Amino acid sequence: MDLNEIKELIDLLQDTDVTELSIEKEGSKIKIKKEKYLAAAHMVPAAPRPVNENADSAKEQSAEEETIAQITSPIVGIFHRAPSPESPPFVEVGSTVRKGQVLCIVEAMKLMNEIESDTHGTVSKILVENGHPVEYGEPLFFIEPSS
């Protein structure tokens, strides 16, 4: 089987629902697979956050959060605290970070996207569990800016 025949087979499969083709001809074997990707990923909605019943506590918390930098997810994907399962996390609560330092990875369609800090400071809170899905704009970290 020559290269032109293989290209023709690939072209024929492009517009069909066939996902796999195996051919044996004159002692040669060829197997062509076509992967289909979904246009939208199915994401599990985040659990609702508990409501603060104490109004004074809520006001104090919102005033505190105004002085804290919030790092949000720029994309929809899966949150990873470390570059690999065997590696230590990029940062922990209390870690000092600098602007441009990698804080985590958000995996989207098998692409690993490094999320960097946009300020110097100390990580005060990690808001997402490792391996959980995140949405666009979802808060990931709170960082207390250093002065």
C-alpha atoms as a PDB file:
ATOM      1  CA  MET A   1       0.000   0.000   0.000  1.00  0.00           C
ATOM      2  CA  ASP A   2       1.547   3.320  -0.987  1.00  0.00           C
ATOM      3  CA  LEU A   3       1.280   6.730   0.642  1.00  0.00           C
ATOM      4  CA  ASN A   4      -1.298   8.053  -1.863  1.00  0.00           C
ATOM      5  CA  GLU A   5      -3.669   5.170  -1.076  1.00  0.00           C
ATOM      6  CA  ILE A   6      -3.332   5.847   2.653  1.00  0.00           C
ATOM      7  CA  LYS A   7      -4.041   9.562   2.138  1.00  0.00           C
ATOM      8  CA  GLU A   8      -7.138   8.705   0.093  1.00  0.00           C
ATOM      9  CA  LEU A   9      -8.411   6.444   2.893  1.00  0.00           C
ATOM     10  CA  ILE A  10      -7.888   9.172   5.460  1.00  0.00           C
ATOM     11  CA  ASP A  11      -9.728  11.699   3.273  1.00  0.00           C
ATOM     12  CA  LEU A  12     -12.638   9.278   2.830  1.00  0.00           C
ATOM     13  CA  LEU A  13     -12.958   8.826   6.611  1.00  0.00           C
ATOM     14  CA  GLN A  14     -13.011  12.582   7.352  1.00  0.00           C
ATOM     15  CA  ASP A  15     -16.691  13.098   6.507  1.00  0.00           C
ATOM     16  CA  THR A  16     -18.045   9.812   7.891  1.00  0.00           C
ATOM     17  CA  ASP A  17     -19.016   8.510  11.316  1.00  0.00           C
ATOM     18  CA  VAL A  18     -16.517   5.658  11.002  1.00  0.00           C
ATOM     19  CA  THR A  19     -13.939   5.955  13.786  1.00  0.00           C
ATOM     20  CA  GLU A  20     -11.670   3.013  12.997  1.00  0.00           C
ATOM     21  CA  LEU A  21     -10.634   1.200   9.824  1.00  0.00           C
ATOM     22  CA  SER A  22      -8.329  -1.831   9.488  1.00  0.00           C
ATOM     23  CA  ILE A  23      -7.160  -3.092   6.082  1.00  0.00           C
ATOM     24  CA  GLU A  24      -4.907  -6.005   5.152  1.00  0.00           C
ATOM     25  CA  LYS A  25      -3.673  -6.001   1.561  1.00  0.00           C
ATOM     26  CA  GLU A  26      -0.834  -7.979  -0.012  1.00  0.00           C
ATOM     27  CA  GLY A  27       0.749  -8.811   3.359  1.00  0.00           C
ATOM     28  CA  SER A  28       0.572  -5.185   4.601  1.00  0.00           C
ATOM     29  CA  LYS A  29      -1.684  -4.116   7.434  1.00  0.00           C
ATOM     30  CA  ILE A  30      -2.913  -0.609   8.143  1.00  0.00           C
ATOM     31  CA  LYS A  31      -5.135   0.654  10.920  1.00  0.00           C
ATOM     32  CA  ILE A  32      -6.576   4.192  10.879  1.00  0.00           C
ATOM     33  CA  LYS A  33      -8.307   5.639  13.951  1.00  0.00           C
ATOM     34  CA  LYS A  34     -10.254   8.871  14.131  1.00  0.00           C
ATOM     35  CA  GLU A  35     -10.803  10.423  17.562  1.00  0.00           C
ATOM     36  CA  LYS A  36     -13.839  12.590  18.179  1.00  0.00           C
ATOM     37  CA  TYR A  37     -13.653  15.428  20.675  1.00  0.00           C
ATOM     38  CA  LEU A  38     -16.710  16.896  22.341  1.00  0.00           C
ATOM     39  CA  ALA A  39     -17.299  20.586  21.704  1.00  0.00           C
ATOM     40  CA  ALA A  40     -18.174  21.253  25.343  1.00  0.00           C
ATOM     41  CA  ALA A  41     -16.930  19.553  28.460  1.00  0.00           C
ATOM     42  CA  HIS A  42     -19.437  18.323  31.017  1.00  0.00           C
ATOM     43  CA  MET A  43     -18.616  20.094  34.249  1.00  0.00           C
ATOM     44  CA  VAL A  44     -19.998  19.401  37.711  1.00  0.00           C
ATOM     45  CA  PRO A  45     -21.306  22.606  39.308  1.00  0.00           C
ATOM     46  CA  ALA A  46     -19.436  23.820  42.347  1.00  0.00           C
ATOM     47  CA  ALA A  47     -21.062  23.206  45.707  1.00  0.00           C
ATOM     48  CA  PRO A  48     -22.885  26.236  47.101  1.00  0.00           C
ATOM     49  CA  ARG A  49     -21.025  28.118  49.781  1.00  0.00           C
ATOM     50  CA  PRO A  50     -22.540  28.345  53.260  1.00  0.00           C
ATOM     51  CA  VAL A  51     -24.408  31.533  54.054  1.00  0.00           C
ATOM     52  CA  ASN A  52     -23.034  33.659  56.893  1.00  0.00           C
ATOM     53  CA  GLU A  53     -25.809  34.248  59.377  1.00  0.00           C
ATOM     54  CA  ASN A  54     -23.862  36.904  61.233  1.00  0.00           C
ATOM     55  CA  ALA A  55     -24.011  40.182  59.242  1.00  0.00           C
ATOM     56  CA  ASP A  56     -21.102  41.773  61.173  1.00  0.00           C
ATOM     57  CA  SER A  57     -18.911  38.789  60.360  1.00  0.00           C
ATOM     58  CA  ALA A  58     -19.832  39.078  56.662  1.00  0.00           C
ATOM     59  CA  LYS A  59     -18.930  42.799  56.627  1.00  0.00           C
ATOM     60  CA  GLU A  60     -15.564  42.096  58.291  1.00  0.00           C
ATOM     61  CA  GLN A  61     -14.859  39.283  55.842  1.00  0.00           C
ATOM     62  CA  SER A  62     -15.681  41.408  52.775  1.00  0.00           C
ATOM     63  CA  ALA A  63     -13.513  44.274  54.072  1.00  0.00           C
ATOM     64  CA  GLU A  64     -10.676  41.790  54.609  1.00  0.00           C
ATOM     65  CA  GLU A  65     -11.078  40.323  51.104  1.00  0.00           C
ATOM     66  CA  GLU A  66     -10.823  43.796  49.539  1.00  0.00           C
ATOM     67  CA  THR A  67      -7.198  44.052  50.701  1.00  0.00           C
ATOM     68  CA  ILE A  68      -6.393  40.526  49.539  1.00  0.00           C
ATOM     69  CA  ALA A  69      -5.487  39.762  45.912  1.00  0.00           C
ATOM     70  CA  GLN A  70      -7.665  37.107  44.342  1.00  0.00           C
ATOM     71  CA  ILE A  71      -6.226  34.781  41.695  1.00  0.00           C
ATOM     72  CA  THR A  72      -8.973  33.422  39.409  1.00  0.00           C
ATOM     73  CA  SER A  73      -9.040  30.729  36.758  1.00  0.00           C
ATOM     74  CA  PRO A  74      -8.685  32.133  33.235  1.00  0.00           C
ATOM     75  CA  ILE A  75     -10.200  28.953  31.734  1.00  0.00           C
ATOM     76  CA  VAL A  76     -12.472  25.987  32.425  1.00  0.00           C
ATOM     77  CA  GLY A  77     -10.536  22.867  33.400  1.00  0.00           C
ATOM     78  CA  ILE A  78      -9.178  20.645  36.157  1.00  0.00           C
ATOM     79  CA  PHE A  79      -7.186  22.250  39.010  1.00  0.00           C
ATOM     80  CA  HIS A  80      -3.790  20.694  39.829  1.00  0.00           C
ATOM     81  CA  ARG A  81      -1.685  21.920  42.759  1.00  0.00           C
ATOM     82  CA  ALA A  82       1.492  20.157  41.538  1.00  0.00           C
ATOM     83  CA  PRO A  83       3.188  19.543  38.179  1.00  0.00           C
ATOM     84  CA  SER A  84       2.750  15.755  38.617  1.00  0.00           C
ATOM     85  CA  PRO A  85       1.115  13.419  41.154  1.00  0.00           C
ATOM     86  CA  GLU A  86       4.482  12.577  42.751  1.00  0.00           C
ATOM     87  CA  SER A  87       5.684  16.207  42.965  1.00  0.00           C
ATOM     88  CA  PRO A  88       5.110  18.554  45.895  1.00  0.00           C
ATOM     89  CA  PRO A  89       2.528  21.347  45.419  1.00  0.00           C
ATOM     90  CA  PHE A  90       3.686  24.598  43.818  1.00  0.00           C
ATOM     91  CA  VAL A  91       2.541  26.562  46.901  1.00  0.00           C
ATOM     92  CA  GLU A  92       0.996  25.999  50.335  1.00  0.00           C
ATOM     93  CA  VAL A  93      -0.941  28.331  52.619  1.00  0.00           C
ATOM     94  CA  GLY A  94       1.694  30.650  54.095  1.00  0.00           C
ATOM     95  CA  SER A  95       4.036  30.392  51.091  1.00  0.00           C
ATOM     96  CA  THR A  96       5.640  33.638  49.968  1.00  0.00           C
ATOM     97  CA  VAL A  97       5.139  34.198  46.245  1.00  0.00           C
ATOM     98  CA  ARG A  98       6.407  36.726  43.746  1.00  0.00           C
ATOM     99  CA  LYS A  99       4.722  38.145  40.679  1.00  0.00           C
ATOM    100  CA  GLY A 100       4.937  35.654  37.801  1.00  0.00           C
ATOM    101  CA  GLN A 101       5.507  32.608  40.044  1.00  0.00           C
ATOM    102  CA  VAL A 102       3.510  29.500  39.071  1.00  0.00           C
ATOM    103  CA  LEU A 103       0.786  28.753  41.634  1.00  0.00           C
ATOM    104  CA  CYS A 104      -0.997  25.822  39.991  1.00  0.00           C
ATOM    105  CA  ILE A 105      -1.949  24.202  36.697  1.00  0.00           C
ATOM    106  CA  VAL A 106      -5.395  24.171  35.093  1.00  0.00           C
ATOM    107  CA  GLU A 107      -5.707  21.288  32.651  1.00  0.00           C
ATOM    108  CA  ALA A 108      -8.007  21.931  29.706  1.00  0.00           C
ATOM    109  CA  MET A 109      -8.347  19.403  26.865  1.00  0.00           C
ATOM    110  CA  LYS A 110      -5.071  17.695  27.851  1.00  0.00           C
ATOM    111  CA  LEU A 111      -3.190  21.024  27.785  1.00  0.00           C
ATOM    112  CA  MET A 112      -1.493  22.049  31.030  1.00  0.00           C
ATOM    113  CA  ASN A 113      -1.915  25.795  31.605  1.00  0.00           C
ATOM    114  CA  GLU A 114       0.317  27.306  34.310  1.00  0.00           C
ATOM    115  CA  ILE A 115      -1.463  29.906  36.440  1.00  0.00           C
ATOM    116  CA  GLU A 116       0.883  32.578  37.767  1.00  0.00           C
ATOM    117  CA  SER A 117       0.627  35.048  40.606  1.00  0.00           C
ATOM    118  CA  ASP A 118      -0.049  38.620  39.525  1.00  0.00           C
ATOM    119  CA  THR A 119       1.305  40.083  42.770  1.00  0.00           C
ATOM    120  CA  HIS A 120       4.031  39.674  45.415  1.00  0.00           C
ATOM    121  CA  GLY A 121       2.735  38.392  48.747  1.00  0.00           C
ATOM    122  CA  THR A 122       1.755  35.442  50.929  1.00  0.00           C
ATOM    123  CA  VAL A 123      -0.778  32.754  50.046  1.00  0.00           C
ATOM    124  CA  SER A 124      -3.543  33.138  52.640  1.00  0.00           C
ATOM    125  CA  LYS A 125      -6.057  30.641  51.264  1.00  0.00           C
ATOM    126  CA  ILE A 126      -6.280  27.907  48.620  1.00  0.00           C
ATOM    127  CA  LEU A 127      -9.929  27.763  47.561  1.00  0.00           C
ATOM    128  CA  VAL A 128     -10.016  24.643  45.333  1.00  0.00           C
ATOM    129  CA  GLU A 129      -9.216  21.008  46.100  1.00  0.00           C
ATOM    130  CA  ASN A 130      -6.622  19.255  43.958  1.00  0.00           C
ATOM    131  CA  GLY A 131      -8.157  17.449  40.970  1.00  0.00           C
ATOM    132  CA  HIS A 132     -11.472  19.329  41.108  1.00  0.00           C
ATOM    133  CA  PRO A 133     -13.013  21.098  38.091  1.00  0.00           C
ATOM    134  CA  VAL A 134     -12.882  24.893  37.939  1.00  0.00           C
ATOM    135  CA  GLU A 135     -14.823  27.364  35.854  1.00  0.00           C
ATOM    136  CA  TYR A 136     -13.766  30.547  34.086  1.00  0.00           C
ATOM    137  CA  GLY A 137     -13.379  33.343  36.653  1.00  0.00           C
ATOM    138  CA  GLU A 138     -13.613  31.010  39.676  1.00  0.00           C
ATOM    139  CA  PRO A 139     -11.380  32.154  42.561  1.00  0.00           C
ATOM    140  CA  LEU A 140      -8.426  29.808  43.146  1.00  0.00           C
ATOM    141  CA  PHE A 141      -6.204  31.606  45.679  1.00  0.00           C
ATOM    142  CA  PHE A 142      -6.224  34.568  48.059  1.00  0.00           C
ATOM    143  CA  ILE A 143      -2.846  36.314  48.361  1.00  0.00           C
ATOM    144  CA  GLU A 144      -2.040  38.967  50.950  1.00  0.00           C
ATOM    145  CA  PRO A 145       0.065  41.519  49.047  1.00  0.00           C
ATOM    146  CA  SER A 146       3.422  42.371  50.623  1.00  0.00           C
ATOM    147  CA  SER A 147       4.164  46.011  51.230  1.00  0.00           C
END
